[in-house]
Amino acid sequence: MACILLDVDGVLHVSGEPIPGSVEAVAELRASGHSLRFVTNNSTRPRARLAEELRAMGFALDDAELQTTPGAAARELAGKRVLALVMEAIVPDLEGLELVGHDVDAVLIGGCDETLEPNQVFSYMNMARAFSEIRMGASLYCLHKNTWWQTSRGPMLDSGAYVAGLEYATGVEAIVLGKPSPSYFAAALDALEAEPELTWMVTDDVEADVRGARLFGMRTALVRTGKFRPETLERADPAPDIVVSSLGQFPSLLEEALSEGFGAP
């Protein structure tokens, strides 16, 4: 049996609409005995709400199977004074952090969604505060560094643009807590008690997730849904191990790969 990390946005659904065949594919992978973990860079809603939304779409999963970036931040920054430029909804998932507005140890940049709230989070005044704290010695962290994500309305600008702006202004490189950071992948594999070479990462992001997973030693499957674009696949280095039209096609191709000893124990 294989261990499988499943990206969420763009693989399971787009803007809350399940991608055809994805619900059935997750059920088929479970029925075949594979170990699953859902790994997402979504940083706009708490884990419990994200899990509930996925169940409402028809996906069977427990809250504990869903790995989120606020959880990674809570582990990494425990005990630190943090200026958190994040959406209010995820603050409960940052339990254990001392959230303050000045004299901080770390600045934490969260993510965007399709509402107007990110305009308040990433206001000029908030970014200027972050700039000042970093200039005074605070470390810079981000839940992820995605530049855009796919929605039903088309591509939407993500918070990576704001992270890059702070990096440019301060000369400080951000520490990424979500995918494709090795620590995020390591946490997912630890939860499954899995080895990288026996684990598959299924994603729509060839530039970040495929590269990060391959460098970590995992097998990769790229779906042609979500943010997939043919031109990014053409220049991918390293390339994914397999490319599927959607998650619905993955279970059968996985069985073929396992029968040939590709990514199997």
C-alpha atoms as a PDB file:
ATOM      1  CA  MET A   1       0.000   0.000   0.000  1.00  0.00           C
ATOM      2  CA  ALA A   2       1.107   3.573  -0.646  1.00  0.00           C
ATOM      3  CA  CYS A   3       1.043   6.703   1.471  1.00  0.00           C
ATOM      4  CA  ILE A   4      -0.547   9.601  -0.363  1.00  0.00           C
ATOM      5  CA  LEU A   5      -0.478  13.326   0.314  1.00  0.00           C
ATOM      6  CA  LEU A   6      -3.404  15.054  -1.359  1.00  0.00           C
ATOM      7  CA  ASP A   7      -3.368  18.751  -2.135  1.00  0.00           C
ATOM      8  CA  VAL A   8      -6.802  20.286  -1.588  1.00  0.00           C
ATOM      9  CA  ASP A   9      -7.501  23.446  -3.626  1.00  0.00           C
ATOM     10  CA  GLY A  10      -7.318  22.619  -7.328  1.00  0.00           C
ATOM     11  CA  VAL A  11      -7.124  18.859  -6.723  1.00  0.00           C
ATOM     12  CA  LEU A  12     -10.261  18.112  -4.724  1.00  0.00           C
ATOM     13  CA  HIS A  13     -12.225  21.247  -5.529  1.00  0.00           C
ATOM     14  CA  VAL A  14     -12.180  24.752  -7.024  1.00  0.00           C
ATOM     15  CA  SER A  15     -13.979  27.497  -5.081  1.00  0.00           C
ATOM     16  CA  GLY A  16     -15.963  24.918  -3.132  1.00  0.00           C
ATOM     17  CA  GLU A  17     -17.135  22.927  -6.155  1.00  0.00           C
ATOM     18  CA  PRO A  18     -15.789  19.344  -6.156  1.00  0.00           C
ATOM     19  CA  ILE A  19     -13.822  18.475  -9.265  1.00  0.00           C
ATOM     20  CA  PRO A  20     -15.667  15.660 -11.092  1.00  0.00           C
ATOM     21  CA  GLY A  21     -14.460  12.259  -9.932  1.00  0.00           C
ATOM     22  CA  SER A  22     -12.505  13.555  -6.946  1.00  0.00           C
ATOM     23  CA  VAL A  23     -14.929  12.402  -4.221  1.00  0.00           C
ATOM     24  CA  GLU A  24     -15.053   8.932  -5.753  1.00  0.00           C
ATOM     25  CA  ALA A  25     -11.258   8.827  -6.123  1.00  0.00           C
ATOM     26  CA  VAL A  26     -10.678   9.556  -2.429  1.00  0.00           C
ATOM     27  CA  ALA A  27     -13.164   6.814  -1.510  1.00  0.00           C
ATOM     28  CA  GLU A  28     -11.447   4.382  -3.887  1.00  0.00           C
ATOM     29  CA  LEU A  29      -8.005   5.133  -2.465  1.00  0.00           C
ATOM     30  CA  ARG A  30      -9.318   4.497   1.048  1.00  0.00           C
ATOM     31  CA  ALA A  31     -11.026   1.268   0.001  1.00  0.00           C
ATOM     32  CA  SER A  32      -7.731   0.070  -1.471  1.00  0.00           C
ATOM     33  CA  GLY A  33      -6.050   0.524   1.903  1.00  0.00           C
ATOM     34  CA  HIS A  34      -3.786   3.463   1.087  1.00  0.00           C
ATOM     35  CA  SER A  35      -2.869   5.904   3.854  1.00  0.00           C
ATOM     36  CA  LEU A  36      -4.092   9.436   3.124  1.00  0.00           C
ATOM     37  CA  ARG A  37      -3.224  12.863   4.447  1.00  0.00           C
ATOM     38  CA  PHE A  38      -4.750  16.073   3.129  1.00  0.00           C
ATOM     39  CA  VAL A  39      -2.148  18.853   2.955  1.00  0.00           C
ATOM     40  CA  THR A  40      -3.175  22.407   2.170  1.00  0.00           C
ATOM     41  CA  ASN A  41      -1.661  25.874   2.062  1.00  0.00           C
ATOM     42  CA  ASN A  42      -5.097  27.386   2.671  1.00  0.00           C
ATOM     43  CA  SER A  43      -4.545  29.963   5.390  1.00  0.00           C
ATOM     44  CA  THR A  44      -7.907  31.724   5.473  1.00  0.00           C
ATOM     45  CA  ARG A  45     -10.079  29.357   7.540  1.00  0.00           C
ATOM     46  CA  PRO A  46      -9.440  27.200  10.635  1.00  0.00           C
ATOM     47  CA  ARG A  47      -8.758  23.505  10.185  1.00  0.00           C
ATOM     48  CA  ALA A  48     -12.069  22.379  11.699  1.00  0.00           C
ATOM     49  CA  ARG A  49     -14.016  24.564   9.268  1.00  0.00           C
ATOM     50  CA  LEU A  50     -11.985  23.436   6.259  1.00  0.00           C
ATOM     51  CA  ALA A  51     -12.551  19.800   7.190  1.00  0.00           C
ATOM     52  CA  GLU A  52     -16.270  20.392   7.634  1.00  0.00           C
ATOM     53  CA  GLU A  53     -16.472  22.106   4.239  1.00  0.00           C
ATOM     54  CA  LEU A  54     -14.757  19.132   2.598  1.00  0.00           C
ATOM     55  CA  ARG A  55     -17.160  16.712   4.278  1.00  0.00           C
ATOM     56  CA  ALA A  56     -20.066  18.834   3.030  1.00  0.00           C
ATOM     57  CA  MET A  57     -18.690  18.379  -0.505  1.00  0.00           C
ATOM     58  CA  GLY A  58     -18.786  14.597  -0.016  1.00  0.00           C
ATOM     59  CA  PHE A  59     -15.203  13.835   1.023  1.00  0.00           C
ATOM     60  CA  ALA A  60     -14.777  11.464   3.960  1.00  0.00           C
ATOM     61  CA  LEU A  61     -12.065  12.671   6.332  1.00  0.00           C
ATOM     62  CA  ASP A  62     -11.395  13.381   9.979  1.00  0.00           C
ATOM     63  CA  ASP A  63     -10.133  16.762  11.165  1.00  0.00           C
ATOM     64  CA  ALA A  64      -6.851  15.127  12.226  1.00  0.00           C
ATOM     65  CA  GLU A  65      -6.168  14.002   8.631  1.00  0.00           C
ATOM     66  CA  LEU A  66      -6.067  17.605   7.411  1.00  0.00           C
ATOM     67  CA  GLN A  67      -2.725  19.379   7.777  1.00  0.00           C
ATOM     68  CA  THR A  68      -2.773  23.187   7.614  1.00  0.00           C
ATOM     69  CA  THR A  69      -0.232  25.988   7.677  1.00  0.00           C
ATOM     70  CA  PRO A  70      -1.538  27.731  10.835  1.00  0.00           C
ATOM     71  CA  GLY A  71      -0.834  24.493  12.674  1.00  0.00           C
ATOM     72  CA  ALA A  72       2.713  24.559  11.345  1.00  0.00           C
ATOM     73  CA  ALA A  73       3.085  28.154  12.530  1.00  0.00           C
ATOM     74  CA  ALA A  74       1.824  27.270  16.009  1.00  0.00           C
ATOM     75  CA  ARG A  75       4.502  24.575  16.290  1.00  0.00           C
ATOM     76  CA  GLU A  76       7.349  26.608  14.792  1.00  0.00           C
ATOM     77  CA  LEU A  77       6.734  29.900  16.603  1.00  0.00           C
ATOM     78  CA  ALA A  78       5.589  28.602  19.998  1.00  0.00           C
ATOM     79  CA  GLY A  79       6.623  30.948  22.790  1.00  0.00           C
ATOM     80  CA  LYS A  80       7.520  33.849  20.493  1.00  0.00           C
ATOM     81  CA  ARG A  81       6.049  37.340  20.334  1.00  0.00           C
ATOM     82  CA  VAL A  82       4.452  37.463  16.880  1.00  0.00           C
ATOM     83  CA  LEU A  83       2.982  40.183  14.675  1.00  0.00           C
ATOM     84  CA  ALA A  84       0.489  38.070  12.739  1.00  0.00           C
ATOM     85  CA  LEU A  85      -0.873  39.597   9.543  1.00  0.00           C
ATOM     86  CA  VAL A  86      -3.441  36.863   9.037  1.00  0.00           C
ATOM     87  CA  MET A  87      -7.176  36.616   8.568  1.00  0.00           C
ATOM     88  CA  GLU A  88      -9.089  36.705  11.833  1.00  0.00           C
ATOM     89  CA  ALA A  89     -10.700  33.320  11.228  1.00  0.00           C
ATOM     90  CA  ILE A  90      -7.446  31.393  11.703  1.00  0.00           C
ATOM     91  CA  VAL A  91      -6.338  33.092  14.929  1.00  0.00           C
ATOM     92  CA  PRO A  92      -7.723  30.221  17.076  1.00  0.00           C
ATOM     93  CA  ASP A  93      -5.387  27.827  15.226  1.00  0.00           C
ATOM     94  CA  LEU A  94      -2.405  29.954  16.323  1.00  0.00           C
ATOM     95  CA  GLU A  95      -2.910  28.898  19.934  1.00  0.00           C
ATOM     96  CA  GLY A  96       0.263  29.182  21.990  1.00  0.00           C
ATOM     97  CA  LEU A  97       1.627  32.225  20.187  1.00  0.00           C
ATOM     98  CA  GLU A  98       1.819  35.612  21.879  1.00  0.00           C
ATOM     99  CA  LEU A  99       0.141  37.822  19.290  1.00  0.00           C
ATOM    100  CA  VAL A 100       1.280  41.419  19.761  1.00  0.00           C
ATOM    101  CA  GLY A 101       1.654  44.602  17.726  1.00  0.00           C
ATOM    102  CA  HIS A 102       5.183  45.777  18.543  1.00  0.00           C
ATOM    103  CA  ASP A 103       8.601  44.654  19.780  1.00  0.00           C
ATOM    104  CA  VAL A 104       8.099  41.242  18.199  1.00  0.00           C
ATOM    105  CA  ASP A 105      10.343  38.254  17.623  1.00  0.00           C
ATOM    106  CA  ALA A 106       8.679  37.335  14.355  1.00  0.00           C
ATOM    107  CA  VAL A 107       6.389  38.709  11.659  1.00  0.00           C
ATOM    108  CA  LEU A 108       3.969  36.141  10.237  1.00  0.00           C
ATOM    109  CA  ILE A 109       2.252  36.706   6.880  1.00  0.00           C
ATOM    110  CA  GLY A 110      -0.922  34.742   6.184  1.00  0.00           C
ATOM    111  CA  GLY A 111      -2.993  34.231   3.063  1.00  0.00           C
ATOM    112  CA  CYS A 112      -5.787  35.692   0.959  1.00  0.00           C
ATOM    113  CA  ASP A 113      -9.245  34.563   0.010  1.00  0.00           C
ATOM    114  CA  GLU A 114     -11.933  35.825  -2.361  1.00  0.00           C
ATOM    115  CA  THR A 115     -13.467  38.305   0.104  1.00  0.00           C
ATOM    116  CA  LEU A 116     -12.532  41.910   0.822  1.00  0.00           C
ATOM    117  CA  GLU A 117     -10.942  41.091   4.171  1.00  0.00           C
ATOM    118  CA  PRO A 118      -7.372  40.591   2.831  1.00  0.00           C
ATOM    119  CA  ASN A 119      -7.428  44.251   1.767  1.00  0.00           C
ATOM    120  CA  GLN A 120      -7.645  45.068   5.466  1.00  0.00           C
ATOM    121  CA  VAL A 121      -4.988  42.532   6.466  1.00  0.00           C
ATOM    122  CA  PHE A 122      -2.529  43.773   3.849  1.00  0.00           C
ATOM    123  CA  SER A 123      -3.164  47.480   4.274  1.00  0.00           C
ATOM    124  CA  TYR A 124      -0.305  49.913   3.852  1.00  0.00           C
ATOM    125  CA  MET A 125      -0.186  50.553   7.603  1.00  0.00           C
ATOM    126  CA  ASN A 126       0.042  46.852   8.440  1.00  0.00           C
ATOM    127  CA  MET A 127       2.770  46.264   5.875  1.00  0.00           C
ATOM    128  CA  ALA A 128       4.642  49.312   7.175  1.00  0.00           C
ATOM    129  CA  ARG A 129       4.443  47.925  10.709  1.00  0.00           C
ATOM    130  CA  ALA A 130       5.812  44.608   9.506  1.00  0.00           C
ATOM    131  CA  PHE A 131       8.608  46.407   7.642  1.00  0.00           C
ATOM    132  CA  SER A 132       9.599  48.331  10.784  1.00  0.00           C
ATOM    133  CA  GLU A 133       9.625  45.237  13.008  1.00  0.00           C
ATOM    134  CA  ILE A 134      11.770  43.298  10.540  1.00  0.00           C
ATOM    135  CA  ARG A 135      14.156  46.234  10.266  1.00  0.00           C
ATOM    136  CA  MET A 136      14.474  46.124  14.059  1.00  0.00           C
ATOM    137  CA  GLY A 137      15.458  42.455  13.994  1.00  0.00           C
ATOM    138  CA  ALA A 138      12.272  40.398  13.802  1.00  0.00           C
ATOM    139  CA  SER A 139      12.355  37.243  11.688  1.00  0.00           C
ATOM    140  CA  LEU A 140      10.015  37.006   8.696  1.00  0.00           C
ATOM    141  CA  TYR A 141       7.765  33.951   8.339  1.00  0.00           C
ATOM    142  CA  CYS A 142       4.960  33.199   5.913  1.00  0.00           C
ATOM    143  CA  LEU A 143       2.335  30.485   5.929  1.00  0.00           C
ATOM    144  CA  HIS A 144       3.089  30.017   2.248  1.00  0.00           C
ATOM    145  CA  LYS A 145       4.529  31.969  -0.654  1.00  0.00           C
ATOM    146  CA  ASN A 146       1.974  31.187  -3.356  1.00  0.00           C
ATOM    147  CA  THR A 147       1.675  33.974  -5.901  1.00  0.00           C
ATOM    148  CA  TRP A 148      -1.801  32.971  -7.128  1.00  0.00           C
ATOM    149  CA  TRP A 149      -4.456  30.303  -6.923  1.00  0.00           C
ATOM    150  CA  GLN A 150      -7.269  29.146  -9.177  1.00  0.00           C
ATOM    151  CA  THR A 151     -10.878  30.115  -8.478  1.00  0.00           C
ATOM    152  CA  SER A 152     -14.131  29.778 -10.364  1.00  0.00           C
ATOM    153  CA  ARG A 153     -13.597  33.403 -11.447  1.00  0.00           C
ATOM    154  CA  GLY A 154     -10.099  32.705 -12.728  1.00  0.00           C
ATOM    155  CA  PRO A 155      -6.612  33.198 -11.236  1.00  0.00           C
ATOM    156  CA  MET A 156      -6.505  35.311  -8.062  1.00  0.00           C
ATOM    157  CA  LEU A 157      -3.501  37.111  -6.579  1.00  0.00           C
ATOM    158  CA  ASP A 158      -2.244  35.411  -3.417  1.00  0.00           C
ATOM    159  CA  SER A 159      -0.178  36.621  -0.464  1.00  0.00           C
ATOM    160  CA  GLY A 160       3.177  35.605  -1.942  1.00  0.00           C
ATOM    161  CA  ALA A 161       3.215  38.987  -3.668  1.00  0.00           C
ATOM    162  CA  TYR A 162       3.137  40.734  -0.275  1.00  0.00           C
ATOM    163  CA  VAL A 163       5.823  38.424   1.094  1.00  0.00           C
ATOM    164  CA  ALA A 164       8.058  39.208  -1.875  1.00  0.00           C
ATOM    165  CA  GLY A 165       7.488  42.923  -1.316  1.00  0.00           C
ATOM    166  CA  LEU A 166       8.635  42.699   2.296  1.00  0.00           C
ATOM    167  CA  GLU A 167      11.648  40.626   1.275  1.00  0.00           C
ATOM    168  CA  TYR A 168      12.580  43.249  -1.318  1.00  0.00           C
ATOM    169  CA  ALA A 169      12.115  46.153   1.102  1.00  0.00           C
ATOM    170  CA  THR A 170      13.952  44.593   4.053  1.00  0.00           C
ATOM    171  CA  GLY A 171      16.541  42.358   2.413  1.00  0.00           C
ATOM    172  CA  VAL A 172      15.323  39.521   4.656  1.00  0.00           C
ATOM    173  CA  GLU A 173      14.266  36.202   3.138  1.00  0.00           C
ATOM    174  CA  ALA A 174      11.019  34.750   4.486  1.00  0.00           C
ATOM    175  CA  ILE A 175      10.906  31.321   6.097  1.00  0.00           C
ATOM    176  CA  VAL A 176       8.088  29.348   4.453  1.00  0.00           C
ATOM    177  CA  LEU A 177       6.076  27.194   6.862  1.00  0.00           C
ATOM    178  CA  GLY A 178       3.723  25.473   4.402  1.00  0.00           C
ATOM    179  CA  LYS A 179       4.359  23.644   1.155  1.00  0.00           C
ATOM    180  CA  PRO A 180       6.910  23.221  -0.317  1.00  0.00           C
ATOM    181  CA  SER A 181       9.038  23.545   2.848  1.00  0.00           C
ATOM    182  CA  PRO A 182      10.799  20.322   3.897  1.00  0.00           C
ATOM    183  CA  SER A 183       9.498  20.710   7.466  1.00  0.00           C
ATOM    184  CA  TYR A 184       5.890  20.721   6.252  1.00  0.00           C
ATOM    185  CA  PHE A 185       6.427  17.575   4.194  1.00  0.00           C
ATOM    186  CA  ALA A 186       8.296  15.965   7.099  1.00  0.00           C
ATOM    187  CA  ALA A 187       5.368  16.618   9.440  1.00  0.00           C
ATOM    188  CA  ALA A 188       2.971  14.988   6.971  1.00  0.00           C
ATOM    189  CA  LEU A 189       5.167  11.906   6.590  1.00  0.00           C
ATOM    190  CA  ASP A 190       5.646  11.647  10.356  1.00  0.00           C
ATOM    191  CA  ALA A 191       1.865  11.639  10.804  1.00  0.00           C
ATOM    192  CA  LEU A 192       1.610   8.701   8.384  1.00  0.00           C
ATOM    193  CA  GLU A 193       4.793   7.016   9.659  1.00  0.00           C
ATOM    194  CA  ALA A 194       5.838   6.958   6.018  1.00  0.00           C
ATOM    195  CA  GLU A 195       9.092   6.997   4.082  1.00  0.00           C
ATOM    196  CA  PRO A 196       9.485   9.610   1.306  1.00  0.00           C
ATOM    197  CA  GLU A 197      10.278   7.075  -1.398  1.00  0.00           C
ATOM    198  CA  LEU A 198       7.046   5.210  -0.609  1.00  0.00           C
ATOM    199  CA  THR A 199       4.879   8.335  -0.598  1.00  0.00           C
ATOM    200  CA  TRP A 200       3.049  10.095  -3.431  1.00  0.00           C
ATOM    201  CA  MET A 201       2.260  13.820  -3.562  1.00  0.00           C
ATOM    202  CA  VAL A 202      -0.778  14.612  -5.720  1.00  0.00           C
ATOM    203  CA  THR A 203      -0.994  18.279  -6.693  1.00  0.00           C
ATOM    204  CA  ASP A 204      -1.962  20.816  -9.337  1.00  0.00           C
ATOM    205  CA  ASP A 205       1.154  22.931  -8.652  1.00  0.00           C
ATOM    206  CA  VAL A 206       4.124  21.764 -10.726  1.00  0.00           C
ATOM    207  CA  GLU A 207       6.332  24.727  -9.877  1.00  0.00           C
ATOM    208  CA  ALA A 208       6.203  24.500  -6.077  1.00  0.00           C
ATOM    209  CA  ASP A 209       4.706  21.219  -4.883  1.00  0.00           C
ATOM    210  CA  VAL A 210       6.145  18.884  -7.520  1.00  0.00           C
ATOM    211  CA  ARG A 211       9.610  20.341  -7.191  1.00  0.00           C
ATOM    212  CA  GLY A 212       9.481  20.401  -3.389  1.00  0.00           C
ATOM    213  CA  ALA A 213       8.163  16.856  -3.108  1.00  0.00           C
ATOM    214  CA  ARG A 214      10.677  15.472  -5.597  1.00  0.00           C
ATOM    215  CA  LEU A 215      13.563  17.169  -3.775  1.00  0.00           C
ATOM    216  CA  PHE A 216      12.246  15.589  -0.571  1.00  0.00           C
ATOM    217  CA  GLY A 217      12.381  12.167  -2.226  1.00  0.00           C
ATOM    218  CA  MET A 218       8.682  11.585  -2.874  1.00  0.00           C
ATOM    219  CA  ARG A 219       6.890  10.381  -5.983  1.00  0.00           C
ATOM    220  CA  THR A 220       4.649  12.977  -7.613  1.00  0.00           C
ATOM    221  CA  ALA A 221       1.426  12.997  -9.606  1.00  0.00           C
ATOM    222  CA  LEU A 222       0.331  16.191 -11.339  1.00  0.00           C
ATOM    223  CA  VAL A 223      -3.354  16.726 -12.101  1.00  0.00           C
ATOM    224  CA  ARG A 224      -4.512  18.796 -15.062  1.00  0.00           C
ATOM    225  CA  THR A 225      -7.024  20.695 -12.936  1.00  0.00           C
ATOM    226  CA  GLY A 226      -6.906  23.787 -10.699  1.00  0.00           C
ATOM    227  CA  LYS A 227      -3.878  25.953 -11.428  1.00  0.00           C
ATOM    228  CA  PHE A 228      -2.343  23.496 -13.911  1.00  0.00           C
ATOM    229  CA  ARG A 229      -1.056  25.168 -17.072  1.00  0.00           C
ATOM    230  CA  PRO A 230       0.579  23.229 -19.966  1.00  0.00           C
ATOM    231  CA  GLU A 231       3.446  25.696 -20.265  1.00  0.00           C
ATOM    232  CA  THR A 232       4.523  25.127 -16.656  1.00  0.00           C
ATOM    233  CA  LEU A 233       4.678  21.385 -17.264  1.00  0.00           C
ATOM    234  CA  GLU A 234       6.820  21.895 -20.354  1.00  0.00           C
ATOM    235  CA  ARG A 235       9.502  23.708 -18.372  1.00  0.00           C
ATOM    236  CA  ALA A 236       9.163  21.666 -15.166  1.00  0.00           C
ATOM    237  CA  ASP A 237      12.479  20.613 -13.616  1.00  0.00           C
ATOM    238  CA  PRO A 238      12.164  18.090 -12.144  1.00  0.00           C
ATOM    239  CA  ALA A 239       9.133  16.756 -13.968  1.00  0.00           C
ATOM    240  CA  PRO A 240       6.325  14.893 -12.163  1.00  0.00           C
ATOM    241  CA  ASP A 241       6.449  11.109 -12.200  1.00  0.00           C
ATOM    242  CA  ILE A 242       2.991  10.878 -13.735  1.00  0.00           C
ATOM    243  CA  VAL A 243       0.439  13.328 -15.144  1.00  0.00           C
ATOM    244  CA  VAL A 244      -3.278  12.608 -14.876  1.00  0.00           C
ATOM    245  CA  SER A 245      -6.292  14.446 -16.243  1.00  0.00           C
ATOM    246  CA  SER A 246      -7.770  14.710 -12.742  1.00  0.00           C
ATOM    247  CA  LEU A 247      -7.707  12.992  -9.376  1.00  0.00           C
ATOM    248  CA  GLY A 248     -10.385  10.653 -10.680  1.00  0.00           C
ATOM    249  CA  GLN A 249      -7.787   9.043 -12.968  1.00  0.00           C
ATOM    250  CA  PHE A 250      -5.144   8.683 -10.270  1.00  0.00           C
ATOM    251  CA  PRO A 251      -6.257   5.490  -8.444  1.00  0.00           C
ATOM    252  CA  SER A 252      -6.022   3.289 -11.536  1.00  0.00           C
ATOM    253  CA  LEU A 253      -2.661   4.724 -12.596  1.00  0.00           C
ATOM    254  CA  LEU A 254      -1.385   4.332  -9.050  1.00  0.00           C
ATOM    255  CA  GLU A 255      -2.266   0.645  -9.087  1.00  0.00           C
ATOM    256  CA  GLU A 256      -0.379   0.252 -12.370  1.00  0.00           C
ATOM    257  CA  ALA A 257       2.642   2.016 -10.903  1.00  0.00           C
ATOM    258  CA  LEU A 258       2.561  -0.125  -7.760  1.00  0.00           C
ATOM    259  CA  SER A 259       2.226  -3.333  -9.758  1.00  0.00           C
ATOM    260  CA  GLU A 260       5.388  -2.359 -11.622  1.00  0.00           C
ATOM    261  CA  GLY A 261       7.190  -1.673  -8.342  1.00  0.00           C
ATOM    262  CA  PHE A 262       7.180   2.094  -8.853  1.00  0.00           C
ATOM    263  CA  GLY A 263       6.854   3.758  -5.475  1.00  0.00           C
ATOM    264  CA  ALA A 264       5.976   0.480  -3.751  1.00  0.00           C
ATOM    265  CA  PRO A 265       7.504  -1.195  -0.657  1.00  0.00           C
END
